Protein backbone atom coordinates (compact mmCIF):
# COMPACT_ATOMS: atom_id res chain seq x y z
CA MET A 1 0.00 0.00 0.00
CA THR A 2 1.25 3.46 -0.90
CA THR A 3 0.43 5.94 1.84
CA GLY A 4 1.66 9.34 2.66
CA VAL A 5 1.13 12.96 3.37
CA GLY A 6 1.03 14.94 0.19
CA ILE A 7 -0.46 14.07 -3.17
CA ALA A 8 1.62 12.62 -6.01
CA LEU A 9 -0.44 10.55 -8.42
CA THR A 10 1.29 7.37 -9.52
CA GLU A 11 2.14 6.60 -13.14
CA GLU A 12 -0.62 3.96 -13.21
CA MET A 13 -3.17 6.45 -11.90
CA VAL A 14 -2.17 9.04 -14.49
CA GLU A 15 -2.45 6.48 -17.29
CA ARG A 16 -5.86 5.25 -16.11
CA VAL A 17 -7.34 8.73 -15.63
CA ASP A 18 -5.95 10.08 -18.90
CA SER A 19 -7.35 7.13 -20.86
CA ALA A 20 -10.62 6.79 -18.96
CA LEU A 21 -12.90 7.94 -21.78
CA SER A 22 -11.15 6.05 -24.57
CA SER A 23 -11.23 2.85 -22.49
CA GLY A 24 -14.96 3.22 -21.77
CA LYS A 25 -14.54 4.25 -18.13
CA PRO A 26 -15.43 7.95 -17.93
CA ILE A 27 -14.88 9.68 -14.61
CA VAL A 28 -17.88 10.48 -12.42
CA VAL A 29 -17.77 13.94 -10.80
CA SER A 30 -19.88 14.78 -7.77
CA TYR A 31 -20.65 18.27 -6.50
CA VAL A 32 -23.36 20.16 -4.63
CA ALA A 33 -25.76 22.49 -6.44
CA ASP A 34 -28.73 24.20 -4.84
CA GLY A 35 -28.10 22.25 -1.64
CA ARG A 36 -28.42 18.89 -3.40
CA PRO A 37 -25.78 16.38 -4.42
CA ARG A 38 -25.24 16.04 -8.18
CA MET A 39 -23.19 13.64 -10.29
CA SER A 40 -22.14 13.73 -13.91
CA LEU A 41 -19.88 11.78 -16.23
CA ARG A 42 -16.94 13.90 -17.39
CA GLY A 43 -15.03 12.45 -20.32
CA SER A 44 -12.63 15.39 -20.44
CA THR A 45 -11.12 14.60 -17.04
CA HIS A 46 -7.35 14.24 -17.11
CA VAL A 47 -4.29 14.74 -14.91
CA HIS A 48 -3.03 18.33 -15.04
CA ALA A 49 -0.28 18.05 -12.39
CA PRO A 50 0.84 15.41 -9.85
CA ASP A 51 -1.71 16.79 -7.38
CA GLN A 52 -4.30 18.24 -9.75
CA LEU A 53 -6.97 17.03 -12.15
CA ALA A 54 -8.52 19.09 -14.95
CA LEU A 55 -11.80 19.04 -16.87
CA TRP A 56 -13.13 20.96 -19.85
CA VAL A 57 -16.74 21.91 -19.07
CA ARG A 58 -18.84 23.10 -21.99
CA LYS A 59 -21.62 24.90 -20.09
CA SER A 60 -21.61 27.24 -17.11
CA ALA A 61 -24.85 25.77 -15.74
CA GLY A 62 -24.33 22.93 -13.30
CA LEU A 63 -20.75 22.24 -12.26
CA VAL A 64 -19.23 25.65 -13.03
CA GLU A 65 -21.96 27.54 -11.18
CA ALA A 66 -21.89 25.07 -8.29
CA ILE A 67 -18.16 25.31 -7.59
CA SER A 68 -18.36 29.09 -7.34
CA ALA A 69 -20.54 28.58 -4.26
CA ASN A 70 -18.99 25.33 -2.97
CA PRO A 71 -15.68 24.20 -4.48
CA ALA A 72 -15.74 20.76 -2.82
CA VAL A 73 -15.91 17.98 -5.42
CA GLY A 74 -15.43 14.23 -5.56
CA LEU A 75 -14.36 12.16 -8.56
CA LEU A 76 -14.64 8.41 -9.07
CA TYR A 77 -12.71 6.20 -11.46
CA ARG A 78 -13.84 2.58 -11.74
CA ASP A 79 -12.55 -0.26 -13.91
CA SER A 80 -14.74 -3.28 -13.13
CA ASP A 81 -12.67 -5.61 -15.32
CA THR A 82 -9.52 -5.14 -13.21
CA ARG A 83 -11.41 -4.24 -10.02
CA THR A 84 -9.58 -0.92 -9.83
CA THR A 85 -11.17 2.04 -8.07
CA TYR A 86 -9.79 5.48 -7.33
CA VAL A 87 -11.65 8.08 -5.30
CA PHE A 88 -10.42 11.67 -5.54
CA SER A 89 -11.60 14.60 -3.44
CA GLY A 90 -10.56 18.20 -3.64
CA ARG A 91 -11.41 21.81 -4.38
CA ALA A 92 -12.36 22.93 -7.87
CA HIS A 93 -12.04 26.33 -9.51
CA VAL A 94 -12.29 27.80 -12.98
CA ALA A 95 -8.98 28.79 -14.54
CA ASP A 96 -9.41 31.98 -16.55
CA ASP A 97 -5.90 32.49 -17.92
CA ALA A 98 -5.42 31.73 -21.61
CA GLU A 99 -2.45 29.40 -21.12
CA THR A 100 -4.26 27.08 -18.69
CA ARG A 101 -7.46 27.14 -20.77
CA THR A 102 -5.47 26.07 -23.82
CA GLN A 103 -3.65 23.31 -21.92
CA VAL A 104 -6.86 21.88 -20.46
CA TYR A 105 -8.72 22.00 -23.77
CA ASP A 106 -5.82 20.52 -25.74
CA ARG A 107 -5.28 17.66 -23.26
CA SER A 108 -8.97 16.71 -23.29
CA PRO A 109 -9.87 13.75 -25.52
CA LYS A 110 -10.65 14.64 -29.13
CA ALA A 111 -14.21 13.35 -28.75
CA GLU A 112 -14.77 15.98 -26.03
CA ARG A 113 -13.01 18.77 -27.97
CA ASP A 114 -15.22 18.04 -30.98
CA HIS A 115 -18.26 19.07 -28.90
CA ASP A 116 -16.75 22.55 -28.37
CA PRO A 117 -14.61 23.48 -31.40
CA GLU A 118 -14.99 27.19 -30.63
CA ARG A 119 -13.55 26.69 -27.13
CA LYS A 120 -16.40 28.46 -25.38
CA GLY A 121 -16.25 26.16 -22.38
CA PHE A 122 -14.49 26.43 -19.04
CA ALA A 123 -11.21 24.99 -17.78
CA VAL A 124 -11.84 23.55 -14.32
CA LEU A 125 -8.92 22.55 -12.12
CA VAL A 126 -9.28 20.32 -9.07
CA ASP A 127 -6.65 20.71 -6.36
CA LEU A 128 -6.62 17.25 -4.81
CA ASP A 129 -6.85 16.95 -1.04
CA GLU A 130 -7.24 13.17 -0.80
CA VAL A 131 -6.84 10.14 -3.06
CA THR A 132 -7.71 6.57 -2.06
CA GLY A 133 -8.21 3.27 -3.80
CA GLY A 134 -6.32 0.83 -5.95
CA THR A 135 -6.63 -2.63 -7.46
CA VAL A 136 -7.91 -5.61 -5.49
CA GLY A 137 -4.86 -7.76 -4.85
CA GLY A 138 -2.58 -5.03 -6.20
CA THR A 139 -1.29 -1.63 -5.22
CA MET A 140 -3.50 0.36 -2.86
CA VAL A 141 -3.07 4.09 -2.27
CA SER A 142 -4.05 6.52 0.44
CA MET A 143 -2.76 10.07 0.07
CA ARG A 144 -3.66 13.34 1.77
CA ARG A 145 -2.56 16.88 1.10
CA GLU A 146 -0.27 18.27 3.78
CA GLY A 147 -1.66 20.92 6.07
């Protein structure tokens, strides 16, 4: 089991998250809107930094509006074939600078980019506070942000 204080996603985790959509395992994102829990599949989810995930969100309604009031989010990756599960929790925010917007859009899967060729969407970054999970019979992880 990999445990520790501080977040540093493993190479396996990066590979699984970055290929989630193409392998038929899109990431589920949970957030709170209007005082109620919400969940949505987000195919654009990918690793932005060792302790940060990113998503390209096409509409301001829903997730983007919700994180302005409550930035707490949860993300779930599940591969039933290999019995691998990763649970991510952190704080989300919209990145407004052109460089980050371009990076997040460009790193999103082509299928997601094709839904927003004019790049009118929003780059959402998730600063990870906790990551748990792993593969049954394989490597397990439990990481928390320092502080």
